[in-house]
Amino acid sequence: MKKYIAAGAAVVLLLFVIVIGARSCAGKSVDAAGYVQADLDLIFQGETKGAKEFLGASHADLDKVYDNGISAFVQNYLTGGADTQGQFSATYEYLVKEIFRCMKYQVGEAKETEEGTYEVPVTYCPVNVFTTFIPELKEEAARIEKDAADGKYEGTDEEIKKSMLLDYMTHSYTLLESAYLDMEYGEREEFVFTVHEKDGLPAMEEEEISRFIERILELDKL
């Protein structure tokens, strides 16, 4: 369940940021804290202004990166292979954007620990949206399976599958929306990013972005 991050949102966002960063930062002093801020604001807020100034990409390219990251999150974590025709994806993507925009984090001052290596602390408040949503979704899935076994769905096998999918996706969205509206923030925690400088260019490890997303969304508790 957790591995969707590395295959989805984090990879799409991080690799693009690294590429455009490498094009635009040559000859400039490394602003490790600014680099982390630009990445996080793009991932969670869809904020392209800071990323454009820091990374040198166009707003259009950065908008695509953000949207692709959200789509990957929804596909790999929420809808999976169930929404094969993408009829529910747009609705989920809108809600996930709203959830991501509520993330609270603050980037601290970078500290050079050794030549070319910087530690950047980020304080954040984790949210309980998915730790509330996932257990309830499992219960809903079990209920739908039971209803099917009890013959509460009628029609051909294909019609029954469509009815079950509609119930699952509809109730899933309702549960996620409810978890979002009742969202609570946890106590402040700290995560330290390591930014490496190579030939005057900043870079972060993919796994660190993944771990931070897991921590702030409490996916590591699932």
Protein backbone atom coordinates (compact mmCIF):
# COMPACT_ATOMS: atom_id res chain seq x y z
CA MET A 1 0.00 0.00 0.00
CA LYS A 2 2.74 2.43 0.88
CA LYS A 3 4.77 1.68 -2.22
CA TYR A 4 2.33 3.59 -4.43
CA ILE A 5 4.20 6.75 -3.48
CA ALA A 6 7.49 5.69 -5.00
CA ALA A 7 5.68 4.57 -8.14
CA GLY A 8 3.37 7.57 -8.26
CA ALA A 9 3.28 11.09 -6.97
CA ALA A 10 6.73 11.32 -5.44
CA VAL A 11 8.53 9.97 -8.49
CA VAL A 12 6.60 12.10 -10.97
CA LEU A 13 7.23 15.25 -8.96
CA LEU A 14 10.73 14.63 -7.70
CA LEU A 15 12.28 13.49 -10.96
CA PHE A 16 10.83 16.43 -12.84
CA VAL A 17 12.03 18.85 -10.19
CA ILE A 18 15.53 17.39 -10.35
CA VAL A 19 15.60 17.66 -14.15
CA ILE A 20 14.40 21.25 -14.32
CA GLY A 21 16.57 22.15 -11.38
CA ALA A 22 19.62 20.83 -13.20
CA ARG A 23 18.77 22.99 -16.21
CA SER A 24 18.31 26.19 -14.29
CA CYS A 25 20.60 26.25 -11.27
CA ALA A 26 24.00 25.99 -12.88
CA GLY A 27 26.24 28.83 -11.80
CA LYS A 28 24.07 29.79 -8.84
CA SER A 29 24.79 29.24 -5.17
CA VAL A 30 22.80 26.37 -3.72
CA ASP A 31 19.74 27.42 -1.72
CA ALA A 32 18.96 24.09 -0.09
CA ALA A 33 16.05 25.40 2.00
CA GLY A 34 14.55 27.14 -1.01
CA TYR A 35 14.85 23.95 -3.01
CA VAL A 36 12.96 21.96 -0.37
CA GLN A 37 10.33 24.70 -0.06
CA ALA A 38 9.80 24.79 -3.82
CA ASP A 39 9.38 21.01 -3.98
CA LEU A 40 6.90 20.80 -1.09
CA ASP A 41 4.85 23.77 -2.25
CA LEU A 42 4.55 22.24 -5.70
CA ILE A 43 3.58 18.82 -4.36
CA PHE A 44 1.03 19.92 -1.77
CA GLN A 45 -0.14 23.39 -2.78
CA GLY A 46 0.18 23.22 -6.53
CA GLU A 47 2.15 26.45 -6.14
CA THR A 48 4.14 27.15 -9.27
CA LYS A 49 5.32 30.71 -8.63
CA GLY A 50 8.10 29.81 -6.21
CA ALA A 51 9.01 26.70 -8.15
CA LYS A 52 9.25 28.68 -11.37
CA GLU A 53 11.54 31.27 -9.81
CA PHE A 54 13.72 28.64 -8.18
CA LEU A 55 13.68 25.98 -10.87
CA GLY A 56 13.24 27.97 -14.05
CA ALA A 57 10.37 25.90 -15.51
CA SER A 58 7.25 27.37 -17.07
CA HIS A 59 4.00 27.62 -15.15
CA ALA A 60 2.39 25.33 -17.71
CA ASP A 61 5.01 22.62 -17.22
CA LEU A 62 4.76 22.88 -13.45
CA ASP A 63 0.96 22.73 -13.58
CA LYS A 64 1.27 19.49 -15.55
CA VAL A 65 3.70 18.10 -12.99
CA TYR A 66 1.29 18.91 -10.17
CA ASP A 67 -1.74 17.45 -11.95
CA ASN A 68 0.18 14.31 -12.94
CA GLY A 69 1.28 13.83 -9.35
CA ILE A 70 -2.28 14.13 -8.07
CA SER A 71 -3.53 11.73 -10.77
CA ALA A 72 -0.83 9.21 -9.82
CA PHE A 73 -1.81 9.47 -6.16
CA VAL A 74 -5.48 8.85 -6.94
CA GLN A 75 -4.80 6.01 -9.37
CA ASN A 76 -2.23 4.21 -7.26
CA TYR A 77 -3.81 4.70 -3.86
CA LEU A 78 -7.53 5.45 -4.07
CA THR A 79 -9.07 4.05 -7.23
CA GLY A 80 -6.40 1.53 -8.27
CA GLY A 81 -7.59 -0.75 -11.03
CA ALA A 82 -11.25 -0.32 -10.08
CA ASP A 83 -11.91 2.89 -12.01
CA THR A 84 -10.75 1.46 -15.33
CA GLN A 85 -12.48 4.10 -17.44
CA GLY A 86 -11.52 7.02 -15.21
CA GLN A 87 -15.12 8.11 -14.65
CA PHE A 88 -14.53 8.81 -10.94
CA SER A 89 -10.94 10.03 -11.12
CA ALA A 90 -11.62 13.72 -11.72
CA THR A 91 -13.88 13.91 -8.67
CA TYR A 92 -11.30 12.21 -6.49
CA GLU A 93 -8.51 14.40 -7.83
CA TYR A 94 -10.41 17.55 -6.85
CA LEU A 95 -10.87 16.27 -3.30
CA VAL A 96 -7.26 15.12 -2.97
CA LYS A 97 -6.08 18.58 -4.05
CA GLU A 98 -8.20 20.07 -1.28
CA ILE A 99 -6.69 17.66 1.25
CA PHE A 100 -3.12 18.33 0.10
CA ARG A 101 -3.63 22.10 0.31
CA CYS A 102 -4.44 21.73 4.00
CA MET A 103 -1.03 20.33 4.84
CA LYS A 104 0.86 22.38 7.42
CA TYR A 105 4.62 22.45 7.18
CA GLN A 106 7.40 24.97 7.73
CA VAL A 107 10.84 24.77 6.18
CA GLY A 108 13.68 25.73 8.48
CA GLU A 109 17.16 27.04 7.85
CA ALA A 110 19.58 24.84 5.96
CA LYS A 111 22.73 23.72 7.73
CA GLU A 112 25.79 22.55 5.83
CA THR A 113 26.93 19.38 7.59
CA GLU A 114 29.85 18.76 5.27
CA GLU A 115 31.01 20.20 2.01
CA GLY A 116 28.21 19.97 -0.51
CA THR A 117 25.71 18.39 1.91
CA TYR A 118 22.95 20.27 3.69
CA GLU A 119 20.34 19.30 6.26
CA VAL A 120 17.01 21.10 5.99
CA PRO A 121 14.57 20.64 8.89
CA VAL A 122 10.85 20.76 8.19
CA THR A 123 8.31 20.95 10.99
CA TYR A 124 4.88 19.62 10.11
CA CYS A 125 1.55 18.56 11.59
CA PRO A 126 0.38 15.12 10.41
CA VAL A 127 -3.29 14.68 9.50
CA ASN A 128 -5.58 11.74 10.20
CA VAL A 129 -7.57 11.76 6.95
CA PHE A 130 -6.32 8.44 5.65
CA THR A 131 -6.01 6.68 9.01
CA THR A 132 -9.73 7.45 9.40
CA PHE A 133 -10.70 6.71 5.82
CA ILE A 134 -8.93 3.41 5.13
CA PRO A 135 -10.43 1.32 7.99
CA GLU A 136 -13.89 2.61 7.10
CA LEU A 137 -13.30 1.82 3.44
CA LYS A 138 -12.32 -1.75 4.29
CA GLU A 139 -15.59 -2.14 6.22
CA GLU A 140 -17.54 -0.75 3.27
CA ALA A 141 -15.82 -3.14 0.85
CA ALA A 142 -16.65 -6.08 3.11
CA ARG A 143 -20.29 -4.96 3.25
CA ILE A 144 -20.56 -4.77 -0.53
CA GLU A 145 -18.99 -8.23 -0.90
CA LYS A 146 -21.48 -9.60 1.63
CA ASP A 147 -24.40 -7.98 -0.18
CA ALA A 148 -23.23 -9.59 -3.40
CA ALA A 149 -22.93 -12.98 -1.72
CA ASP A 150 -26.42 -12.54 -0.29
CA GLY A 151 -27.86 -11.88 -3.73
CA LYS A 152 -28.74 -8.23 -3.18
CA TYR A 153 -27.37 -7.32 -6.61
CA GLU A 154 -29.35 -8.48 -9.63
CA GLY A 155 -28.65 -8.90 -13.33
CA THR A 156 -25.89 -10.45 -15.38
CA ASP A 157 -22.40 -10.88 -13.97
CA GLU A 158 -21.30 -7.74 -15.82
CA GLU A 159 -24.28 -5.75 -14.50
CA ILE A 160 -23.60 -6.93 -10.97
CA LYS A 161 -19.95 -5.92 -11.22
CA LYS A 162 -20.92 -2.46 -12.46
CA SER A 163 -23.42 -2.03 -9.63
CA MET A 164 -20.86 -3.11 -7.05
CA LEU A 165 -18.26 -0.77 -8.52
CA LEU A 166 -20.69 2.14 -8.49
CA ASP A 167 -21.56 1.49 -4.85
CA TYR A 168 -17.90 1.11 -3.90
CA MET A 169 -16.69 4.26 -5.65
CA THR A 170 -19.64 6.37 -4.49
CA HIS A 171 -19.39 5.32 -0.85
CA SER A 172 -15.61 5.54 -0.96
CA TYR A 173 -15.80 9.17 -2.03
CA THR A 174 -18.35 9.93 0.67
CA LEU A 175 -16.12 8.36 3.31
CA LEU A 176 -13.05 10.26 2.10
CA GLU A 177 -14.95 13.54 2.02
CA SER A 178 -16.23 12.91 5.54
CA ALA A 179 -12.71 12.12 6.78
CA TYR A 180 -11.48 15.33 5.16
CA LEU A 181 -14.21 17.48 6.70
CA ASP A 182 -13.50 15.96 10.14
CA MET A 183 -9.73 16.10 9.67
CA GLU A 184 -7.60 16.65 12.74
CA TYR A 185 -3.97 17.73 12.99
CA GLY A 186 -1.52 15.91 15.19
CA GLU A 187 1.29 17.36 17.29
CA ARG A 188 4.15 19.07 15.50
CA GLU A 189 6.91 16.77 14.33
CA GLU A 190 10.17 17.30 12.51
CA PHE A 191 11.57 15.74 9.39
CA VAL A 192 15.08 16.44 8.14
CA PHE A 193 15.78 16.46 4.41
CA THR A 194 19.28 15.97 3.09
CA VAL A 195 20.17 18.05 0.06
CA HIS A 196 23.32 17.19 -1.84
CA GLU A 197 25.18 19.60 -4.06
CA LYS A 198 26.84 18.27 -7.16
CA ASP A 199 28.41 20.63 -9.68
CA GLY A 200 26.47 23.46 -8.10
CA LEU A 201 23.11 21.66 -8.43
CA PRO A 202 20.84 20.61 -5.54
CA ALA A 203 19.26 17.17 -5.33
CA MET A 204 17.25 15.15 -2.85
CA GLU A 205 16.75 11.43 -2.48
CA GLU A 206 13.47 10.07 -3.83
CA GLU A 207 12.97 8.00 -0.69
CA GLU A 208 13.03 11.10 1.50
CA ILE A 209 10.17 12.67 -0.40
CA SER A 210 8.28 9.38 -0.12
CA ARG A 211 8.86 9.15 3.62
CA PHE A 212 7.76 12.72 4.18
CA ILE A 213 4.51 12.16 2.28
CA GLU A 214 3.91 9.03 4.34
CA ARG A 215 4.56 10.89 7.58
CA ILE A 216 2.48 13.99 6.95
CA LEU A 217 -0.47 11.90 5.68
CA GLU A 218 0.14 9.23 8.36
CA LEU A 219 0.32 6.56 5.68
CA ASP A 220 3.15 4.99 7.65
CA LYS A 221 0.57 4.03 10.28
CA LEU A 222 -1.53 1.95 7.89
